[in-house]
Amino acid sequence: MALTQFTSGATLSAADLNAIVDMIQGAAGSTDAFFFRSSTGNDFIIRLADAAGARKFSIQDSAGVEVASIDSDGVLTVASTVFTNLTVPTSATPTQTVEGRIVWDSDDDVLTAGTGTATKRIGLLRGAGSAASATSELMYDTTAQVLQVWDGSASRIISGGWEHIDTQVLAATAASVSFPTFNSAYRQFRLTMDQLHTLALIPQLRFNNDATATYDRKVSADSAASAATAGDDKIDLSATTATFLRAFYVVYIAKPTTGAQALVHWTGSYGTAANTQTSVQGSANYRSATALLDRIDILASTSTFAADSRFVLEGNRTPN
């Protein structure tokens, strides 16, 4: 129902007064809208009885249940909230202790929340920098692409073990297979090779596209001793050239720092058309200490790998 507009000399009836009362305190079954409006150029002010958060402006539903409030300290509480835009307070050194109060730490780029007695960081994962710290307990190192955690005194890499770098399956015969320009943050590698071919060859390795005489190796077949070879331009993975239908090798490579040699160890086996099998094992080192590994090539000596040969490279970023 609408309030009566009075004119000069009109009489105010009981019904008119009751209409005002109903609009203010709410009459049973009333569906009339009620609003306050400030005059042009003025704010609408509600003044509460204290300035320390003890009193609040409360909004209730028709059952008398509070659905939202704002206290005299400016803290807004709502039962269900959907914000299209929300801006939280910002401070370079947040110190809020009120439980649940959120402030953005503009210095460390992290959210903080009050616990009732202290200020605690939330959302600790950061995407910049090279190490975790006391002010950033969990860090994503964008250079090495690893997670680092602060243990109270130092930053520690969280190792996930072997990570898949690449898999190559040949669609046609090829004289070589290359894993080029991968992240040099890897310190250890595992290369798995399932080779198919019918031509005589020796599978060989080369690092960083370096064909200088900086590779030393020693290979044995079926546990037979083999003489060491020093100063080669690649690493032979078998002792002699063999014609076989299939070969399987697992190669481990470690290059911890730029000042250290790369150490290599492998085991493998190959089978011939005559159903004979030969086991192979060997070790080698790559003497170049100028760079970390960021490329590995597998060569088929003077022959080719057959189609469907599979090569899988994995890496571990954890330093030795």
C-alpha atoms as a PDB file:
ATOM      1  CA  MET A   1       0.000   0.000   0.000  1.00  0.00           C
ATOM      2  CA  ALA A   2       1.144   3.531  -0.689  1.00  0.00           C
ATOM      3  CA  LEU A   3       1.405   6.343   1.806  1.00  0.00           C
ATOM      4  CA  THR A   4      -1.088   9.172   1.379  1.00  0.00           C
ATOM      5  CA  GLN A   5       0.262  12.432   0.040  1.00  0.00           C
ATOM      6  CA  PHE A   6      -1.097  15.178   2.315  1.00  0.00           C
ATOM      7  CA  THR A   7      -2.085  18.656   1.246  1.00  0.00           C
ATOM      8  CA  SER A   8      -2.418  21.786   3.304  1.00  0.00           C
ATOM      9  CA  GLY A   9      -5.379  21.558   5.706  1.00  0.00           C
ATOM     10  CA  ALA A  10      -5.845  17.782   5.264  1.00  0.00           C
ATOM     11  CA  THR A  11      -6.626  15.596   8.267  1.00  0.00           C
ATOM     12  CA  LEU A  12      -4.204  12.776   9.297  1.00  0.00           C
ATOM     13  CA  SER A  13      -6.236   9.639  10.008  1.00  0.00           C
ATOM     14  CA  ALA A  14      -5.409   6.578  12.093  1.00  0.00           C
ATOM     15  CA  ALA A  15      -5.136   4.572   8.885  1.00  0.00           C
ATOM     16  CA  ASP A  16      -2.543   6.988   7.567  1.00  0.00           C
ATOM     17  CA  LEU A  17      -0.471   6.689  10.771  1.00  0.00           C
ATOM     18  CA  ASN A  18      -0.769   2.891  10.751  1.00  0.00           C
ATOM     19  CA  ALA A  19       0.429   2.840   7.144  1.00  0.00           C
ATOM     20  CA  ILE A  20       3.598   4.657   8.223  1.00  0.00           C
ATOM     21  CA  VAL A  21       4.104   2.235  11.137  1.00  0.00           C
ATOM     22  CA  ASP A  22       3.603  -0.773   8.850  1.00  0.00           C
ATOM     23  CA  MET A  23       6.099   0.535   6.344  1.00  0.00           C
ATOM     24  CA  ILE A  24       8.747   1.063   9.042  1.00  0.00           C
ATOM     25  CA  GLN A  25       8.427  -2.099  11.139  1.00  0.00           C
ATOM     26  CA  GLY A  26       6.790  -4.358   8.584  1.00  0.00           C
ATOM     27  CA  ALA A  27       3.153  -5.392   8.634  1.00  0.00           C
ATOM     28  CA  ALA A  28       2.161  -9.047   8.435  1.00  0.00           C
ATOM     29  CA  GLY A  29       1.823 -10.008   4.780  1.00  0.00           C
ATOM     30  CA  SER A  30       3.044  -6.617   3.600  1.00  0.00           C
ATOM     31  CA  THR A  31       4.601  -6.665   0.114  1.00  0.00           C
ATOM     32  CA  ASP A  32       5.195  -2.939  -0.229  1.00  0.00           C
ATOM     33  CA  ALA A  33       8.671  -1.691  -1.086  1.00  0.00           C
ATOM     34  CA  PHE A  34      10.255   0.673   1.368  1.00  0.00           C
ATOM     35  CA  PHE A  35      13.303   2.793   0.685  1.00  0.00           C
ATOM     36  CA  PHE A  36      15.229   5.763   2.014  1.00  0.00           C
ATOM     37  CA  ARG A  37      16.485   8.431  -0.336  1.00  0.00           C
ATOM     38  CA  SER A  38      18.984  11.165   0.374  1.00  0.00           C
ATOM     39  CA  SER A  39      18.609  14.596  -1.081  1.00  0.00           C
ATOM     40  CA  THR A  40      20.636  15.499  -4.132  1.00  0.00           C
ATOM     41  CA  GLY A  41      24.298  16.089  -3.361  1.00  0.00           C
ATOM     42  CA  ASN A  42      24.216  14.423   0.061  1.00  0.00           C
ATOM     43  CA  ASP A  43      25.347  11.025   1.377  1.00  0.00           C
ATOM     44  CA  PHE A  44      22.990   8.638   3.149  1.00  0.00           C
ATOM     45  CA  ILE A  45      24.384   8.032   6.631  1.00  0.00           C
ATOM     46  CA  ILE A  46      23.650   5.323   9.191  1.00  0.00           C
ATOM     47  CA  ARG A  47      25.478   5.979  12.441  1.00  0.00           C
ATOM     48  CA  LEU A  48      26.069   3.030  14.773  1.00  0.00           C
ATOM     49  CA  ALA A  49      26.509   3.211  18.540  1.00  0.00           C
ATOM     50  CA  ASP A  50      30.260   2.454  18.733  1.00  0.00           C
ATOM     51  CA  ALA A  51      33.453   2.563  16.690  1.00  0.00           C
ATOM     52  CA  ALA A  52      35.090  -0.770  17.593  1.00  0.00           C
ATOM     53  CA  GLY A  53      33.040  -3.374  15.729  1.00  0.00           C
ATOM     54  CA  ALA A  54      30.694  -4.169  18.637  1.00  0.00           C
ATOM     55  CA  ARG A  55      27.571  -2.869  16.845  1.00  0.00           C
ATOM     56  CA  LYS A  56      26.476  -3.684  13.309  1.00  0.00           C
ATOM     57  CA  PHE A  57      23.965  -2.847  10.605  1.00  0.00           C
ATOM     58  CA  SER A  58      22.089  -6.098  10.000  1.00  0.00           C
ATOM     59  CA  ILE A  59      20.022  -7.275   7.024  1.00  0.00           C
ATOM     60  CA  GLN A  60      17.552 -10.083   7.722  1.00  0.00           C
ATOM     61  CA  ASP A  61      15.316 -12.199   5.525  1.00  0.00           C
ATOM     62  CA  SER A  62      11.553 -12.543   6.063  1.00  0.00           C
ATOM     63  CA  ALA A  63      12.133 -15.220   8.717  1.00  0.00           C
ATOM     64  CA  GLY A  64      14.290 -12.894  10.781  1.00  0.00           C
ATOM     65  CA  VAL A  65      17.536 -14.680   9.807  1.00  0.00           C
ATOM     66  CA  GLU A  66      20.530 -12.431   9.262  1.00  0.00           C
ATOM     67  CA  VAL A  67      21.888 -12.709   5.728  1.00  0.00           C
ATOM     68  CA  ALA A  68      24.365  -9.816   5.756  1.00  0.00           C
ATOM     69  CA  SER A  69      25.834  -7.252   8.092  1.00  0.00           C
ATOM     70  CA  ILE A  70      28.469  -4.561   8.325  1.00  0.00           C
ATOM     71  CA  ASP A  71      29.849  -3.664  11.735  1.00  0.00           C
ATOM     72  CA  SER A  72      31.033  -0.313  13.058  1.00  0.00           C
ATOM     73  CA  ASP A  73      34.618  -1.328  12.191  1.00  0.00           C
ATOM     74  CA  GLY A  74      33.703  -1.743   8.507  1.00  0.00           C
ATOM     75  CA  VAL A  75      33.785  -5.550   8.441  1.00  0.00           C
ATOM     76  CA  LEU A  76      31.267  -6.924   5.949  1.00  0.00           C
ATOM     77  CA  THR A  77      29.760 -10.360   6.595  1.00  0.00           C
ATOM     78  CA  VAL A  78      27.491 -12.072   4.081  1.00  0.00           C
ATOM     79  CA  ALA A  79      25.915 -15.513   4.019  1.00  0.00           C
ATOM     80  CA  SER A  80      26.438 -16.039   0.284  1.00  0.00           C
ATOM     81  CA  THR A  81      28.481 -13.779  -1.920  1.00  0.00           C
ATOM     82  CA  VAL A  82      29.030 -13.450  -5.658  1.00  0.00           C
ATOM     83  CA  PHE A  83      31.443 -10.665  -6.633  1.00  0.00           C
ATOM     84  CA  THR A  84      32.224  -9.673 -10.199  1.00  0.00           C
ATOM     85  CA  ASN A  85      35.133  -7.589  -8.908  1.00  0.00           C
ATOM     86  CA  LEU A  86      36.752  -7.692  -5.477  1.00  0.00           C
ATOM     87  CA  THR A  87      39.596  -5.494  -4.307  1.00  0.00           C
ATOM     88  CA  VAL A  88      41.214  -6.418  -0.998  1.00  0.00           C
ATOM     89  CA  PRO A  89      43.251  -4.045   1.177  1.00  0.00           C
ATOM     90  CA  THR A  90      46.938  -3.758   0.248  1.00  0.00           C
ATOM     91  CA  SER A  91      50.004  -3.314   2.415  1.00  0.00           C
ATOM     92  CA  ALA A  92      53.742  -3.744   1.921  1.00  0.00           C
ATOM     93  CA  THR A  93      53.948  -5.144   5.476  1.00  0.00           C
ATOM     94  CA  PRO A  94      50.581  -6.637   6.499  1.00  0.00           C
ATOM     95  CA  THR A  95      50.053  -6.899  10.263  1.00  0.00           C
ATOM     96  CA  GLN A  96      46.321  -7.642  10.555  1.00  0.00           C
ATOM     97  CA  THR A  97      45.418 -10.179  13.261  1.00  0.00           C
ATOM     98  CA  VAL A  98      41.598 -10.163  13.073  1.00  0.00           C
ATOM     99  CA  GLU A  99      40.657 -13.724  12.224  1.00  0.00           C
ATOM    100  CA  GLY A 100      39.816 -14.152   8.552  1.00  0.00           C
ATOM    101  CA  ARG A 101      40.790 -10.631   7.516  1.00  0.00           C
ATOM    102  CA  ILE A 102      42.638 -10.729   4.182  1.00  0.00           C
ATOM    103  CA  VAL A 103      45.291  -8.243   3.033  1.00  0.00           C
ATOM    104  CA  TRP A 104      47.423  -8.395  -0.128  1.00  0.00           C
ATOM    105  CA  ASP A 105      51.154  -8.220   0.610  1.00  0.00           C
ATOM    106  CA  SER A 106      52.340  -5.929  -2.184  1.00  0.00           C
ATOM    107  CA  ASP A 107      56.009  -6.434  -1.267  1.00  0.00           C
ATOM    108  CA  ASP A 108      56.087 -10.257  -1.482  1.00  0.00           C
ATOM    109  CA  ASP A 109      53.114 -10.604  -3.874  1.00  0.00           C
ATOM    110  CA  VAL A 110      51.144 -12.967  -1.666  1.00  0.00           C
ATOM    111  CA  LEU A 111      47.804 -13.009   0.172  1.00  0.00           C
ATOM    112  CA  THR A 112      47.839 -12.846   3.970  1.00  0.00           C
ATOM    113  CA  ALA A 113      45.109 -13.602   6.508  1.00  0.00           C
ATOM    114  CA  GLY A 114      44.638 -12.846  10.160  1.00  0.00           C
ATOM    115  CA  THR A 115      44.462 -15.869  12.478  1.00  0.00           C
ATOM    116  CA  GLY A 116      43.165 -14.105  15.578  1.00  0.00           C
ATOM    117  CA  THR A 117      46.618 -13.669  17.064  1.00  0.00           C
ATOM    118  CA  ALA A 118      48.962 -13.339  14.052  1.00  0.00           C
ATOM    119  CA  THR A 119      49.258 -12.719  10.306  1.00  0.00           C
ATOM    120  CA  LYS A 120      49.764 -15.788   8.107  1.00  0.00           C
ATOM    121  CA  ARG A 121      50.620 -16.043   4.434  1.00  0.00           C
ATOM    122  CA  ILE A 122      48.316 -17.970   2.129  1.00  0.00           C
ATOM    123  CA  GLY A 123      48.888 -18.823  -1.503  1.00  0.00           C
ATOM    124  CA  LEU A 124      52.638 -19.239  -1.108  1.00  0.00           C
ATOM    125  CA  LEU A 125      53.351 -20.446  -4.639  1.00  0.00           C
ATOM    126  CA  ARG A 126      55.192 -17.809  -6.627  1.00  0.00           C
ATOM    127  CA  GLY A 127      56.280 -17.890 -10.234  1.00  0.00           C
ATOM    128  CA  ALA A 128      59.398 -15.752 -10.196  1.00  0.00           C
ATOM    129  CA  GLY A 129      62.876 -15.933  -8.783  1.00  0.00           C
ATOM    130  CA  SER A 130      65.282 -18.814  -8.454  1.00  0.00           C
ATOM    131  CA  ALA A 131      64.859 -20.038  -4.877  1.00  0.00           C
ATOM    132  CA  ALA A 132      62.421 -20.230  -2.002  1.00  0.00           C
ATOM    133  CA  SER A 133      62.994 -18.052   1.060  1.00  0.00           C
ATOM    134  CA  ALA A 134      61.656 -17.349   4.523  1.00  0.00           C
ATOM    135  CA  THR A 135      59.131 -14.923   2.982  1.00  0.00           C
ATOM    136  CA  SER A 136      58.207 -17.235   0.100  1.00  0.00           C
ATOM    137  CA  GLU A 137      58.163 -20.746   1.486  1.00  0.00           C
ATOM    138  CA  LEU A 138      57.167 -22.400  -1.819  1.00  0.00           C
ATOM    139  CA  MET A 139      58.603 -21.132  -5.098  1.00  0.00           C
ATOM    140  CA  TYR A 140      58.288 -22.219  -8.725  1.00  0.00           C
ATOM    141  CA  ASP A 141      61.717 -21.659 -10.219  1.00  0.00           C
ATOM    142  CA  THR A 142      60.945 -20.456 -13.748  1.00  0.00           C
ATOM    143  CA  THR A 143      64.565 -20.910 -14.856  1.00  0.00           C
ATOM    144  CA  ALA A 144      65.095 -24.527 -13.776  1.00  0.00           C
ATOM    145  CA  GLN A 145      61.332 -25.271 -13.922  1.00  0.00           C
ATOM    146  CA  VAL A 146      61.249 -26.982 -10.543  1.00  0.00           C
ATOM    147  CA  LEU A 147      59.470 -26.453  -7.240  1.00  0.00           C
ATOM    148  CA  GLN A 148      61.602 -25.292  -4.332  1.00  0.00           C
ATOM    149  CA  VAL A 149      60.628 -25.307  -0.649  1.00  0.00           C
ATOM    150  CA  TRP A 150      62.094 -23.402   2.297  1.00  0.00           C
ATOM    151  CA  ASP A 151      63.227 -25.844   5.017  1.00  0.00           C
ATOM    152  CA  GLY A 152      63.883 -23.174   7.641  1.00  0.00           C
ATOM    153  CA  SER A 153      67.456 -22.439   6.646  1.00  0.00           C
ATOM    154  CA  ALA A 154      67.842 -23.079   2.919  1.00  0.00           C
ATOM    155  CA  SER A 155      65.937 -23.565  -0.317  1.00  0.00           C
ATOM    156  CA  ARG A 156      65.500 -27.203  -1.356  1.00  0.00           C
ATOM    157  CA  ILE A 157      64.432 -28.569  -4.736  1.00  0.00           C
ATOM    158  CA  ILE A 158      61.367 -30.804  -4.664  1.00  0.00           C
ATOM    159  CA  SER A 159      62.346 -33.641  -6.951  1.00  0.00           C
ATOM    160  CA  GLY A 160      59.676 -35.531  -8.806  1.00  0.00           C
ATOM    161  CA  GLY A 161      62.127 -38.155 -10.105  1.00  0.00           C
ATOM    162  CA  TRP A 162      62.424 -38.913 -13.812  1.00  0.00           C
ATOM    163  CA  GLU A 163      60.543 -36.528 -16.087  1.00  0.00           C
ATOM    164  CA  HIS A 164      59.664 -37.382 -19.648  1.00  0.00           C
ATOM    165  CA  ILE A 165      61.511 -35.081 -22.064  1.00  0.00           C
ATOM    166  CA  ASP A 166      60.668 -36.534 -25.464  1.00  0.00           C
ATOM    167  CA  THR A 167      59.830 -39.719 -27.355  1.00  0.00           C
ATOM    168  CA  GLN A 168      60.755 -40.272 -30.979  1.00  0.00           C
ATOM    169  CA  VAL A 169      59.427 -43.130 -33.085  1.00  0.00           C
ATOM    170  CA  LEU A 170      60.864 -43.324 -36.583  1.00  0.00           C
ATOM    171  CA  ALA A 171      58.372 -43.210 -39.426  1.00  0.00           C
ATOM    172  CA  ALA A 172      61.115 -44.179 -41.881  1.00  0.00           C
ATOM    173  CA  THR A 173      64.748 -45.286 -41.806  1.00  0.00           C
ATOM    174  CA  ALA A 174      67.132 -42.711 -40.360  1.00  0.00           C
ATOM    175  CA  ALA A 175      70.890 -42.459 -39.914  1.00  0.00           C
ATOM    176  CA  SER A 176      70.491 -40.552 -36.654  1.00  0.00           C
ATOM    177  CA  VAL A 177      68.001 -39.453 -34.028  1.00  0.00           C
ATOM    178  CA  SER A 178      68.349 -36.123 -32.251  1.00  0.00           C
ATOM    179  CA  PHE A 179      67.002 -34.739 -28.986  1.00  0.00           C
ATOM    180  CA  PRO A 180      67.943 -31.065 -29.521  1.00  0.00           C
ATOM    181  CA  THR A 181      67.772 -27.993 -27.288  1.00  0.00           C
ATOM    182  CA  PHE A 182      66.079 -29.397 -24.185  1.00  0.00           C
ATOM    183  CA  ASN A 183      66.315 -27.576 -20.846  1.00  0.00           C
ATOM    184  CA  SER A 184      69.940 -27.572 -19.614  1.00  0.00           C
ATOM    185  CA  ALA A 185      68.644 -27.594 -16.020  1.00  0.00           C
ATOM    186  CA  TYR A 186      68.507 -31.408 -16.272  1.00  0.00           C
ATOM    187  CA  ARG A 187      71.481 -32.999 -14.521  1.00  0.00           C
ATOM    188  CA  GLN A 188      70.771 -36.711 -15.025  1.00  0.00           C
ATOM    189  CA  PHE A 189      69.326 -38.521 -18.033  1.00  0.00           C
ATOM    190  CA  ARG A 190      67.917 -41.925 -18.880  1.00  0.00           C
ATOM    191  CA  LEU A 191      67.817 -42.845 -22.545  1.00  0.00           C
ATOM    192  CA  THR A 192      65.875 -45.952 -23.582  1.00  0.00           C
ATOM    193  CA  MET A 193      66.391 -47.235 -27.116  1.00  0.00           C
ATOM    194  CA  ASP A 194      64.376 -49.991 -28.800  1.00  0.00           C
ATOM    195  CA  GLN A 195      66.085 -50.260 -32.181  1.00  0.00           C
ATOM    196  CA  LEU A 196      64.948 -52.212 -35.219  1.00  0.00           C
ATOM    197  CA  HIS A 197      67.261 -52.821 -38.190  1.00  0.00           C
ATOM    198  CA  THR A 198      68.682 -55.473 -40.468  1.00  0.00           C
ATOM    199  CA  LEU A 199      71.951 -53.764 -41.384  1.00  0.00           C
ATOM    200  CA  ALA A 200      75.303 -53.983 -39.630  1.00  0.00           C
ATOM    201  CA  LEU A 201      75.851 -51.008 -37.337  1.00  0.00           C
ATOM    202  CA  ILE A 202      77.084 -49.751 -33.962  1.00  0.00           C
ATOM    203  CA  PRO A 203      74.707 -47.431 -32.082  1.00  0.00           C
ATOM    204  CA  GLN A 204      76.629 -44.321 -31.009  1.00  0.00           C
ATOM    205  CA  LEU A 205      76.067 -41.266 -28.800  1.00  0.00           C
ATOM    206  CA  ARG A 206      77.174 -37.669 -29.166  1.00  0.00           C
ATOM    207  CA  PHE A 207      76.487 -34.754 -26.794  1.00  0.00           C
ATOM    208  CA  ASN A 208      75.872 -31.055 -27.512  1.00  0.00           C
ATOM    209  CA  ASN A 209      76.633 -31.661 -31.203  1.00  0.00           C
ATOM    210  CA  ASP A 210      80.317 -31.921 -30.209  1.00  0.00           C
ATOM    211  CA  ALA A 211      82.331 -34.033 -32.662  1.00  0.00           C
ATOM    212  CA  THR A 212      85.730 -33.322 -31.104  1.00  0.00           C
ATOM    213  CA  ALA A 213      87.955 -36.049 -29.616  1.00  0.00           C
ATOM    214  CA  THR A 214      86.601 -35.681 -26.071  1.00  0.00           C
ATOM    215  CA  TYR A 215      84.909 -39.086 -25.557  1.00  0.00           C
ATOM    216  CA  ASP A 216      86.460 -42.084 -23.759  1.00  0.00           C
ATOM    217  CA  ARG A 217      84.763 -45.484 -23.487  1.00  0.00           C
ATOM    218  CA  LYS A 218      85.057 -49.136 -22.532  1.00  0.00           C
ATOM    219  CA  VAL A 219      82.587 -51.737 -23.810  1.00  0.00           C
ATOM    220  CA  SER A 220      82.212 -55.480 -23.187  1.00  0.00           C
ATOM    221  CA  ALA A 221      79.993 -58.109 -24.801  1.00  0.00           C
ATOM    222  CA  ASP A 222      78.787 -61.173 -22.881  1.00  0.00           C
ATOM    223  CA  SER A 223      81.098 -60.142 -19.994  1.00  0.00           C
ATOM    224  CA  ALA A 224      84.213 -60.423 -22.173  1.00  0.00           C
ATOM    225  CA  ALA A 225      86.851 -57.776 -21.453  1.00  0.00           C
ATOM    226  CA  SER A 226      87.304 -55.042 -24.026  1.00  0.00           C
ATOM    227  CA  ALA A 227      90.137 -52.562 -24.398  1.00  0.00           C
ATOM    228  CA  ALA A 228      89.453 -48.958 -23.576  1.00  0.00           C
ATOM    229  CA  THR A 229      89.229 -46.386 -26.336  1.00  0.00           C
ATOM    230  CA  ALA A 230      90.234 -42.797 -25.596  1.00  0.00           C
ATOM    231  CA  GLY A 231      89.846 -39.592 -27.546  1.00  0.00           C
ATOM    232  CA  ASP A 232      87.042 -40.581 -29.893  1.00  0.00           C
ATOM    233  CA  ASP A 233      84.501 -38.160 -31.390  1.00  0.00           C
ATOM    234  CA  LYS A 234      81.514 -40.227 -30.154  1.00  0.00           C
ATOM    235  CA  ILE A 235      80.609 -43.111 -27.824  1.00  0.00           C
ATOM    236  CA  ASP A 236      80.152 -46.601 -29.319  1.00  0.00           C
ATOM    237  CA  LEU A 237      77.546 -48.557 -27.360  1.00  0.00           C
ATOM    238  CA  SER A 238      78.605 -51.989 -28.647  1.00  0.00           C
ATOM    239  CA  ALA A 239      82.050 -53.531 -29.022  1.00  0.00           C
ATOM    240  CA  THR A 240      81.730 -54.655 -32.646  1.00  0.00           C
ATOM    241  CA  THR A 241      79.580 -53.962 -35.663  1.00  0.00           C
ATOM    242  CA  ALA A 242      76.673 -56.400 -35.600  1.00  0.00           C
ATOM    243  CA  THR A 243      73.857 -57.275 -37.959  1.00  0.00           C
ATOM    244  CA  PHE A 244      70.782 -57.857 -35.840  1.00  0.00           C
ATOM    245  CA  LEU A 245      67.024 -57.676 -35.961  1.00  0.00           C
ATOM    246  CA  ARG A 246      66.518 -55.778 -32.733  1.00  0.00           C
ATOM    247  CA  ALA A 247      68.529 -54.118 -29.979  1.00  0.00           C
ATOM    248  CA  PHE A 248      67.475 -52.684 -26.637  1.00  0.00           C
ATOM    249  CA  TYR A 249      69.646 -50.288 -24.607  1.00  0.00           C
ATOM    250  CA  VAL A 250      69.210 -48.317 -21.389  1.00  0.00           C
ATOM    251  CA  VAL A 251      71.739 -45.502 -21.025  1.00  0.00           C
ATOM    252  CA  TYR A 252      72.306 -43.387 -17.894  1.00  0.00           C
ATOM    253  CA  ILE A 253      74.064 -40.029 -18.201  1.00  0.00           C
ATOM    254  CA  ALA A 254      75.101 -37.657 -15.393  1.00  0.00           C
ATOM    255  CA  LYS A 255      76.417 -34.112 -15.897  1.00  0.00           C
ATOM    256  CA  PRO A 256      76.083 -32.314 -12.536  1.00  0.00           C
ATOM    257  CA  THR A 257      77.830 -29.001 -13.254  1.00  0.00           C
ATOM    258  CA  THR A 258      79.551 -27.119 -16.061  1.00  0.00           C
ATOM    259  CA  GLY A 259      82.922 -27.890 -14.442  1.00  0.00           C
ATOM    260  CA  ALA A 260      82.422 -31.667 -14.380  1.00  0.00           C
ATOM    261  CA  GLN A 261      82.724 -34.352 -17.024  1.00  0.00           C
ATOM    262  CA  ALA A 262      79.625 -36.221 -18.159  1.00  0.00           C
ATOM    263  CA  LEU A 263      79.672 -39.849 -16.991  1.00  0.00           C
ATOM    264  CA  VAL A 264      77.809 -42.504 -18.982  1.00  0.00           C
ATOM    265  CA  HIS A 265      76.834 -46.082 -18.150  1.00  0.00           C
ATOM    266  CA  TRP A 266      74.694 -48.458 -20.204  1.00  0.00           C
ATOM    267  CA  THR A 267      73.439 -51.985 -20.550  1.00  0.00           C
ATOM    268  CA  GLY A 268      71.829 -53.575 -23.567  1.00  0.00           C
ATOM    269  CA  SER A 269      71.242 -56.635 -25.642  1.00  0.00           C
ATOM    270  CA  TYR A 270      70.703 -57.486 -29.292  1.00  0.00           C
ATOM    271  CA  GLY A 271      69.416 -60.511 -31.182  1.00  0.00           C
ATOM    272  CA  THR A 272      70.293 -61.767 -34.649  1.00  0.00           C
ATOM    273  CA  ALA A 273      68.316 -63.552 -37.331  1.00  0.00           C
ATOM    274  CA  ALA A 274      69.919 -66.809 -36.138  1.00  0.00           C
ATOM    275  CA  ASN A 275      68.172 -66.354 -32.746  1.00  0.00           C
ATOM    276  CA  THR A 276      71.394 -65.608 -30.903  1.00  0.00           C
ATOM    277  CA  GLN A 277      71.481 -62.955 -28.176  1.00  0.00           C
ATOM    278  CA  THR A 278      74.369 -60.839 -26.981  1.00  0.00           C
ATOM    279  CA  SER A 279      74.427 -58.770 -23.820  1.00  0.00           C
ATOM    280  CA  VAL A 280      76.391 -55.522 -23.779  1.00  0.00           C
ATOM    281  CA  GLN A 281      77.516 -53.180 -21.067  1.00  0.00           C
ATOM    282  CA  GLY A 282      79.849 -50.230 -20.995  1.00  0.00           C
ATOM    283  CA  SER A 283      80.915 -46.957 -19.481  1.00  0.00           C
ATOM    284  CA  ALA A 284      82.240 -43.724 -20.889  1.00  0.00           C
ATOM    285  CA  ASN A 285      82.927 -40.111 -20.136  1.00  0.00           C
ATOM    286  CA  TYR A 286      82.565 -36.882 -22.073  1.00  0.00           C
ATOM    287  CA  ARG A 287      85.483 -34.650 -21.173  1.00  0.00           C
ATOM    288  CA  SER A 288      84.055 -31.271 -22.192  1.00  0.00           C
ATOM    289  CA  ALA A 289      83.481 -29.224 -19.029  1.00  0.00           C
ATOM    290  CA  THR A 290      82.305 -26.023 -20.696  1.00  0.00           C
ATOM    291  CA  ALA A 291      78.550 -26.523 -20.676  1.00  0.00           C
ATOM    292  CA  LEU A 292      75.661 -28.564 -19.297  1.00  0.00           C
ATOM    293  CA  LEU A 293      73.980 -31.025 -21.625  1.00  0.00           C
ATOM    294  CA  ASP A 294      71.201 -29.655 -23.801  1.00  0.00           C
ATOM    295  CA  ARG A 295      71.382 -31.992 -26.803  1.00  0.00           C
ATOM    296  CA  ILE A 296      71.828 -35.745 -27.348  1.00  0.00           C
ATOM    297  CA  ASP A 297      72.247 -37.452 -30.743  1.00  0.00           C
ATOM    298  CA  ILE A 298      72.051 -41.188 -31.439  1.00  0.00           C
ATOM    299  CA  LEU A 299      73.953 -42.257 -34.566  1.00  0.00           C
ATOM    300  CA  ALA A 300      73.716 -45.472 -36.572  1.00  0.00           C
ATOM    301  CA  SER A 301      77.446 -45.460 -37.477  1.00  0.00           C
ATOM    302  CA  THR A 302      77.555 -46.091 -41.247  1.00  0.00           C
ATOM    303  CA  SER A 303      74.039 -47.564 -41.474  1.00  0.00           C
ATOM    304  CA  THR A 304      70.437 -46.595 -40.571  1.00  0.00           C
ATOM    305  CA  PHE A 305      67.868 -47.382 -37.913  1.00  0.00           C
ATOM    306  CA  ALA A 306      64.710 -48.990 -39.273  1.00  0.00           C
ATOM    307  CA  ALA A 307      61.213 -47.514 -39.149  1.00  0.00           C
ATOM    308  CA  ASP A 308      59.341 -47.999 -35.859  1.00  0.00           C
ATOM    309  CA  SER A 309      62.549 -47.781 -33.808  1.00  0.00           C
ATOM    310  CA  ARG A 310      61.681 -46.028 -30.546  1.00  0.00           C
ATOM    311  CA  PHE A 311      63.836 -43.650 -28.496  1.00  0.00           C
ATOM    312  CA  VAL A 312      62.696 -42.230 -25.122  1.00  0.00           C
ATOM    313  CA  LEU A 313      64.604 -39.552 -23.189  1.00  0.00           C
ATOM    314  CA  GLU A 314      63.912 -38.752 -19.527  1.00  0.00           C
ATOM    315  CA  GLY A 315      65.616 -36.294 -17.197  1.00  0.00           C
ATOM    316  CA  ASN A 316      66.073 -35.447 -13.537  1.00  0.00           C
ATOM    317  CA  ARG A 317      66.606 -31.795 -12.588  1.00  0.00           C
ATOM    318  CA  THR A 318      67.879 -32.485  -9.074  1.00  0.00           C
ATOM    319  CA  PRO A 319      71.593 -31.599  -8.872  1.00  0.00           C
ATOM    320  CA  ASN A 320      73.982 -34.444  -7.972  1.00  0.00           C
END
